[in-house]
PDB file of N, CA and C in Angstrom:
ATOM      1  N   MET A   1       0.803  -1.187  -0.007  1.00  0.00           N
ATOM      2  CA  MET A   1       0.015   0.003   0.012  1.00  0.00           C
ATOM      3  C   MET A   1       0.862   1.275   0.000  1.00  0.00           C
ATOM      4  N   HIS A   2       1.955   1.224   0.750  1.00  0.00           N
ATOM      5  CA  HIS A   2       2.847   2.367   0.836  1.00  0.00           C
ATOM      6  C   HIS A   2       3.438   2.690  -0.569  1.00  0.00           C
ATOM      7  N   ARG A   3       3.825   1.622  -1.300  1.00  0.00           N
ATOM      8  CA  ARG A   3       4.388   1.807  -2.632  1.00  0.00           C
ATOM      9  C   ARG A   3       3.362   2.467  -3.580  1.00  0.00           C
ATOM     10  N   HIS A   4       2.115   2.059  -3.406  1.00  0.00           N
ATOM     11  CA  HIS A   4       1.070   2.601  -4.243  1.00  0.00           C
ATOM     12  C   HIS A   4       0.878   4.069  -4.015  1.00  0.00           C
ATOM     13  N   LEU A   5       0.897   4.497  -2.745  1.00  0.00           N
ATOM     14  CA  LEU A   5       0.761   5.912  -2.382  1.00  0.00           C
ATOM     15  C   LEU A   5       1.983   6.720  -2.896  1.00  0.00           C
ATOM     16  N   GLN A   6       3.166   6.093  -2.757  1.00  0.00           N
ATOM     17  CA  GLN A   6       4.386   6.751  -3.225  1.00  0.00           C
ATOM     18  C   GLN A   6       4.342   6.933  -4.723  1.00  0.00           C
ATOM     19  N   PHE A   7       3.836   5.914  -5.433  1.00  0.00           N
ATOM     20  CA  PHE A   7       3.697   5.993  -6.890  1.00  0.00           C
ATOM     21  C   PHE A   7       2.758   7.127  -7.283  1.00  0.00           C
ATOM     22  N   LEU A   8       1.580   7.208  -6.554  1.00  0.00           N
ATOM     23  CA  LEU A   8       0.586   8.272  -6.887  1.00  0.00           C
ATOM     24  C   LEU A   8       1.167   9.647  -6.594  1.00  0.00           C
ATOM     25  N   ALA A   9       1.916   9.776  -5.480  1.00  0.00           N
ATOM     26  CA  ALA A   9       2.531  11.041  -5.132  1.00  0.00           C
ATOM     27  C   ALA A   9       3.553  11.463  -6.223  1.00  0.00           C
ATOM     28  N   THR A  10       4.346  10.526  -6.665  1.00  0.00           N
ATOM     29  CA  THR A  10       5.322  10.803  -7.693  1.00  0.00           C
ATOM     30  C   THR A  10       4.654  11.166  -9.009  1.00  0.00           C
ATOM     31  N   LEU A  11       3.618  10.461  -9.328  1.00  0.00           N
ATOM     32  CA  LEU A  11       2.840  10.743 -10.557  1.00  0.00           C
ATOM     33  C   LEU A  11       2.209  12.161 -10.491  1.00  0.00           C
ATOM     34  N   ALA A  12       1.666  12.497  -9.317  1.00  0.00           N
ATOM     35  CA  ALA A  12       1.050  13.807  -9.158  1.00  0.00           C
ATOM     36  C   ALA A  12       2.126  14.892  -9.318  1.00  0.00           C
ATOM     37  N   CYS A  13       3.300  14.649  -8.760  1.00  0.00           N
ATOM     38  CA  CYS A  13       4.416  15.620  -8.836  1.00  0.00           C
ATOM     39  C   CYS A  13       4.836  15.777 -10.318  1.00  0.00           C
ATOM     40  N   LEU A  14       5.001  14.642 -11.009  1.00  0.00           N
ATOM     41  CA  LEU A  14       5.362  14.752 -12.397  1.00  0.00           C
ATOM     42  C   LEU A  14       4.337  15.450 -13.289  1.00  0.00           C
ATOM     43  N   LEU A  15       3.072  15.199 -13.007  1.00  0.00           N
ATOM     44  CA  LEU A  15       2.019  15.900 -13.719  1.00  0.00           C
ATOM     45  C   LEU A  15       2.022  17.384 -13.460  1.00  0.00           C
ATOM     46  N   GLY A  16       2.276  17.748 -12.198  1.00  0.00           N
ATOM     47  CA  GLY A  16       2.396  19.174 -11.850  1.00  0.00           C
ATOM     48  C   GLY A  16       3.558  19.853 -12.526  1.00  0.00           C
ATOM     49  N   LEU A  17       4.652  19.150 -12.595  1.00  0.00           N
ATOM     50  CA  LEU A  17       5.854  19.723 -13.234  1.00  0.00           C
ATOM     51  C   LEU A  17       5.628  19.828 -14.766  1.00  0.00           C
ATOM     52  N   SER A  18       4.977  18.857 -15.334  1.00  0.00           N
ATOM     53  CA  SER A  18       4.700  18.946 -16.771  1.00  0.00           C
ATOM     54  C   SER A  18       3.745  20.091 -17.098  1.00  0.00           C
ATOM     55  N   ALA A  19       2.802  20.335 -16.170  1.00  0.00           N
ATOM     56  CA  ALA A  19       1.889  21.522 -16.384  1.00  0.00           C
ATOM     57  C   ALA A  19       2.693  22.785 -16.322  1.00  0.00           C
ATOM     58  N   CYS A  20       3.686  22.856 -15.397  1.00  0.00           N
ATOM     59  CA  CYS A  20       4.513  24.059 -15.307  1.00  0.00           C
ATOM     60  C   CYS A  20       5.328  24.210 -16.602  1.00  0.00           C
ATOM     61  N   GLY A  21       5.841  23.116 -17.083  1.00  0.00           N
ATOM     62  CA  GLY A  21       6.625  23.164 -18.337  1.00  0.00           C
ATOM     63  C   GLY A  21       5.775  23.659 -19.523  1.00  0.00           C
ATOM     64  N   ALA A  22       4.557  23.215 -19.559  1.00  0.00           N
ATOM     65  CA  ALA A  22       3.616  23.701 -20.605  1.00  0.00           C
ATOM     66  C   ALA A  22       3.387  25.196 -20.489  1.00  0.00           C
ATOM     67  N   GLU A  23       3.179  25.654 -19.234  1.00  0.00           N
ATOM     68  CA  GLU A  23       2.944  27.091 -18.969  1.00  0.00           C
ATOM     69  C   GLU A  23       4.184  27.897 -19.361  1.00  0.00           C
ATOM     70  N   VAL A  24       5.367  27.397 -19.018  1.00  0.00           N
ATOM     71  CA  VAL A  24       6.613  28.123 -19.393  1.00  0.00           C
ATOM     72  C   VAL A  24       6.771  28.196 -20.925  1.00  0.00           C
ATOM     73  N   ALA A  25       6.459  27.060 -21.577  1.00  0.00           N
ATOM     74  CA  ALA A  25       6.561  27.012 -23.057  1.00  0.00           C
ATOM     75  C   ALA A  25       5.530  27.994 -23.637  1.00  0.00           C
ATOM     76  N   GLY A  26       4.323  28.037 -23.114  1.00  0.00           N
ATOM     77  CA  GLY A  26       3.336  28.968 -23.592  1.00  0.00           C
ATOM     78  C   GLY A  26       3.768  30.413 -23.405  1.00  0.00           C
ATOM     79  N   THR A  27       4.330  30.677 -22.238  1.00  0.00           N
ATOM     80  CA  THR A  27       4.787  32.065 -21.964  1.00  0.00           C
ATOM     81  C   THR A  27       5.937  32.428 -22.881  1.00  0.00           C
ATOM     82  N   ALA A  28       6.850  31.488 -23.154  1.00  0.00           N
ATOM     83  CA  ALA A  28       7.956  31.757 -24.071  1.00  0.00           C
ATOM     84  C   ALA A  28       7.456  32.033 -25.453  1.00  0.00           C
ATOM     85  N   ALA A  29       6.445  31.294 -25.894  1.00  0.00           N
ATOM     86  CA  ALA A  29       5.868  31.523 -27.219  1.00  0.00           C
ATOM     87  C   ALA A  29       5.191  32.880 -27.278  1.00  0.00           C
ATOM     88  N   ALA A  30       4.506  33.269 -26.206  1.00  0.00           N
ATOM     89  CA  ALA A  30       3.864  34.567 -26.200  1.00  0.00           C
ATOM     90  C   ALA A  30       4.856  35.709 -26.262  1.00  0.00           C
ATOM     91  N   VAL A  31       5.983  35.548 -25.485  1.00  0.00           N
ATOM     92  CA  VAL A  31       7.037  36.541 -25.492  1.00  0.00           C
ATOM     93  C   VAL A  31       7.707  36.629 -26.850  1.00  0.00           C
ATOM     94  N   GLY A  32       7.930  35.473 -27.453  1.00  0.00           N
ATOM     95  CA  GLY A  32       8.540  35.463 -28.812  1.00  0.00           C
ATOM     96  C   GLY A  32       7.616  36.161 -29.825  1.00  0.00           C
ATOM     97  N   LYS A  33       6.346  35.964 -29.746  1.00  0.00           N
ATOM     98  CA  LYS A  33       5.402  36.636 -30.642  1.00  0.00           C
ATOM     99  C   LYS A  33       5.407  38.122 -30.420  1.00  0.00           C
ATOM    100  N   LEU A  34       5.434  38.518 -29.157  1.00  0.00           N
ATOM    101  CA  LEU A  34       5.463  39.940 -28.779  1.00  0.00           C
ATOM    102  C   LEU A  34       6.726  40.578 -29.334  1.00  0.00           C
ATOM    103  N   GLN A  35       7.866  39.895 -29.160  1.00  0.00           N
ATOM    104  CA  GLN A  35       9.123  40.447 -29.672  1.00  0.00           C
ATOM    105  C   GLN A  35       9.078  40.581 -31.185  1.00  0.00           C
ATOM    106  N   ALA A  36       8.524  39.608 -31.857  1.00  0.00           N
ATOM    107  CA  ALA A  36       8.434  39.670 -33.301  1.00  0.00           C
ATOM    108  C   ALA A  36       7.563  40.864 -33.765  1.00  0.00           C
ATOM    109  N   THR A  37       6.445  41.057 -33.025  1.00  0.00           N
ATOM    110  CA  THR A  37       5.570  42.186 -33.353  1.00  0.00           C
ATOM    111  C   THR A  37       6.285  43.499 -33.111  1.00  0.00           C
ATOM    112  N   GLN A  38       7.038  43.578 -32.007  1.00  0.00           N
ATOM    113  CA  GLN A  38       7.766  44.805 -31.723  1.00  0.00           C
ATOM    114  C   GLN A  38       8.851  45.088 -32.759  1.00  0.00           C
ATOM    115  N   ALA A  39       9.542  44.049 -33.209  1.00  0.00           N
ATOM    116  CA  ALA A  39      10.549  44.188 -34.226  1.00  0.00           C
ATOM    117  C   ALA A  39       9.941  44.665 -35.530  1.00  0.00           C
ATOM    118  N   GLU A  40       8.775  44.108 -35.863  1.00  0.00           N
ATOM    119  CA  GLU A  40       8.106  44.506 -37.136  1.00  0.00           C
ATOM    120  C   GLU A  40       7.684  45.996 -37.029  1.00  0.00           C
ATOM    121  N   LYS A  41       7.199  46.419 -35.851  1.00  0.00           N
ATOM    122  CA  LYS A  41       6.825  47.827 -35.710  1.00  0.00           C
ATOM    123  C   LYS A  41       8.065  48.730 -35.761  1.00  0.00           C
ATOM    124  N   ALA A  42       9.127  48.267 -35.177  1.00  0.00           N
ATOM    125  CA  ALA A  42      10.385  49.075 -35.225  1.00  0.00           C
ATOM    126  C   ALA A  42      10.880  49.223 -36.683  1.00  0.00           C
ATOM    127  N   ARG A  43      10.754  48.142 -37.443  1.00  0.00           N
ATOM    128  CA  ARG A  43      11.201  48.283 -38.852  1.00  0.00           C
ATOM    129  C   ARG A  43      10.295  49.271 -39.615  1.00  0.00           C
ATOM    130  N   ALA A  44       8.998  49.187 -39.347  1.00  0.00           N
ATOM    131  CA  ALA A  44       8.061  50.144 -39.978  1.00  0.00           C
ATOM    132  C   ALA A  44       8.351  51.551 -39.547  1.00  0.00           C
ATOM    133  N   ASP A  45       8.660  51.773 -38.281  1.00  0.00           N
ATOM    134  CA  ASP A  45       9.013  53.124 -37.778  1.00  0.00           C
ATOM    135  C   ASP A  45      10.268  53.617 -38.468  1.00  0.00           C
ATOM    136  N   GLN A  46      11.258  52.709 -38.599  1.00  0.00           N
ATOM    137  CA  GLN A  46      12.531  53.043 -39.223  1.00  0.00           C
ATOM    138  C   GLN A  46      12.272  53.438 -40.677  1.00  0.00           C
ATOM    139  N   ALA A  47      11.462  52.715 -41.395  1.00  0.00           N
ATOM    140  CA  ALA A  47      11.155  53.007 -42.794  1.00  0.00           C
ATOM    141  C   ALA A  47      10.501  54.399 -42.925  1.00  0.00           C
ATOM    142  N   ARG A  48       9.556  54.685 -42.002  1.00  0.00           N
ATOM    143  CA  ARG A  48       8.909  55.998 -42.035  1.00  0.00           C
ATOM    144  C   ARG A  48       9.898  57.116 -41.748  1.00  0.00           C
ATOM    145  N   ILE A  49      10.763  56.913 -40.791  1.00  0.00           N
ATOM    146  CA  ILE A  49      11.771  57.934 -40.458  1.00  0.00           C
ATOM    147  C   ILE A  49      12.726  58.160 -41.640  1.00  0.00           C
ATOM    148  N   LEU A  50      13.174  57.070 -42.235  1.00  0.00           N
ATOM    149  CA  LEU A  50      14.098  57.210 -43.373  1.00  0.00           C
ATOM    150  C   LEU A  50      13.439  57.919 -44.561  1.00  0.00           C
ATOM    151  N   GLU A  51      12.137  57.636 -44.769  1.00  0.00           N
ATOM    152  CA  GLU A  51      11.377  58.303 -45.833  1.00  0.00           C
ATOM    153  C   GLU A  51      11.256  59.781 -45.544  1.00  0.00           C
ATOM    154  N   GLY A  52      10.989  60.129 -44.291  1.00  0.00           N
ATOM    155  CA  GLY A  52      10.908  61.548 -43.884  1.00  0.00           C
ATOM    156  C   GLY A  52      12.244  62.241 -44.116  1.00  0.00           C
ATOM    157  N   LEU A  53      13.336  61.575 -43.715  1.00  0.00           N
ATOM    158  CA  LEU A  53      14.631  62.200 -43.942  1.00  0.00           C
ATOM    159  C   LEU A  53      14.939  62.382 -45.435  1.00  0.00           C
ATOM    160  N   LYS A  54      14.546  61.402 -46.245  1.00  0.00           N
ATOM    161  CA  LYS A  54      14.783  61.496 -47.649  1.00  0.00           C
ATOM    162  C   LYS A  54      13.970  62.691 -48.248  1.00  0.00           C
ATOM    163  N   GLN A  55      12.724  62.832 -47.823  1.00  0.00           N
ATOM    164  CA  GLN A  55      11.919  63.937 -48.347  1.00  0.00           C
ATOM    165  C   GLN A  55      12.470  65.328 -47.854  1.00  0.00           C
ATOM    166  N   ALA A  56      12.936  65.357 -46.630  1.00  0.00           N
ATOM    167  CA  ALA A  56      13.553  66.599 -46.144  1.00  0.00           C
ATOM    168  C   ALA A  56      14.800  66.910 -46.888  1.00  0.00           C
ATOM    169  N   ASP A  57      15.580  65.918 -47.220  1.00  0.00           N
ATOM    170  CA  ASP A  57      16.805  66.141 -47.987  1.00  0.00           C
ATOM    171  C   ASP A  57      16.476  66.644 -49.396  1.00  0.00           C
ATOM    172  N   GLN A  58      15.437  66.045 -50.007  1.00  0.00           N
ATOM    173  CA  GLN A  58      15.039  66.433 -51.379  1.00  0.00           C
ATOM    174  C   GLN A  58      14.496  67.889 -51.329  1.00  0.00           C
ATOM    175  N   ALA A  59      13.752  68.235 -50.286  1.00  0.00           N
ATOM    176  CA  ALA A  59      13.248  69.622 -50.168  1.00  0.00           C
ATOM    177  C   ALA A  59      14.398  70.587 -49.981  1.00  0.00           C
ATOM    178  N   ALA A  60      15.373  70.242 -49.179  1.00  0.00           N
ATOM    179  CA  ALA A  60      16.513  71.134 -48.975  1.00  0.00           C
ATOM    180  C   ALA A  60      17.287  71.302 -50.281  1.00  0.00           C
ATOM    181  N   ALA A  61      17.459  70.235 -51.037  1.00  0.00           N
ATOM    182  CA  ALA A  61      18.158  70.315 -52.331  1.00  0.00           C
ATOM    183  C   ALA A  61      17.384  71.182 -53.258  1.00  0.00           C
ATOM    184  N   ALA A  62      16.058  71.059 -53.275  1.00  0.00           N
ATOM    185  CA  ALA A  62      15.237  71.899 -54.157  1.00  0.00           C
ATOM    186  C   ALA A  62      15.342  73.346 -53.804  1.00  0.00           C
ATOM    187  N   ARG A  63      15.327  73.676 -52.500  1.00  0.00           N
ATOM    188  CA  ARG A  63      15.487  75.047 -52.047  1.00  0.00           C
ATOM    189  C   ARG A  63      16.833  75.616 -52.430  1.00  0.00           C
ATOM    190  N   ALA A  64      17.901  74.782 -52.241  1.00  0.00           N
ATOM    191  CA  ALA A  64      19.202  75.244 -52.600  1.00  0.00           C
ATOM    192  C   ALA A  64      19.338  75.488 -54.120  1.00  0.00           C
ATOM    193  N   ALA A  65      18.683  74.624 -54.899  1.00  0.00           N
ATOM    194  CA  ALA A  65      18.705  74.783 -56.344  1.00  0.00           C
ATOM    195  C   ALA A  65      17.965  76.023 -56.822  1.00  0.00           C
ATOM    196  N   SER A  66      16.836  76.322 -56.174  1.00  0.00           N
ATOM    197  CA  SER A  66      16.073  77.520 -56.543  1.00  0.00           C
ATOM    198  C   SER A  66      16.752  78.783 -56.024  1.00  0.00           C
ATOM    199  N   ALA A  67      17.503  78.709 -55.010  1.00  0.00           N
ATOM    200  CA  ALA A  67      18.210  79.836 -54.436  1.00  0.00           C
ATOM    201  C   ALA A  67      19.413  80.199 -55.363  1.00  0.00           C
ATOM    202  N   GLY A  68      19.938  79.178 -56.020  1.00  0.00           N
ATOM    203  CA  GLY A  68      21.046  79.367 -56.915  1.00  0.00           C
ATOM    204  C   GLY A  68      20.686  79.867 -58.279  1.00  0.00           C
ATOM    205  N   GLU A  69      19.426  79.876 -58.632  1.00  0.00           N
ATOM    206  CA  GLU A  69      18.943  80.342 -59.930  1.00  0.00           C
ATOM    207  C   GLU A  69      18.976  81.806 -60.067  1.00  0.00           C
TER     208      GLU A  69
END
């Protein structure tokens, strides 16, 4: 009887640990998805900033060209 209880206790412990492992894996997946979303947003922000700088540079070149005429 003692071995049976010990087996059940061990089984319960292992099931509890596997549940924790699944939770950790789920959390890691959620964090990975969040980081991918943040990286995608950062790339979009970078593209917008670079486009703004390009337009500002073109406007400055146009002003300099018209001032030289």
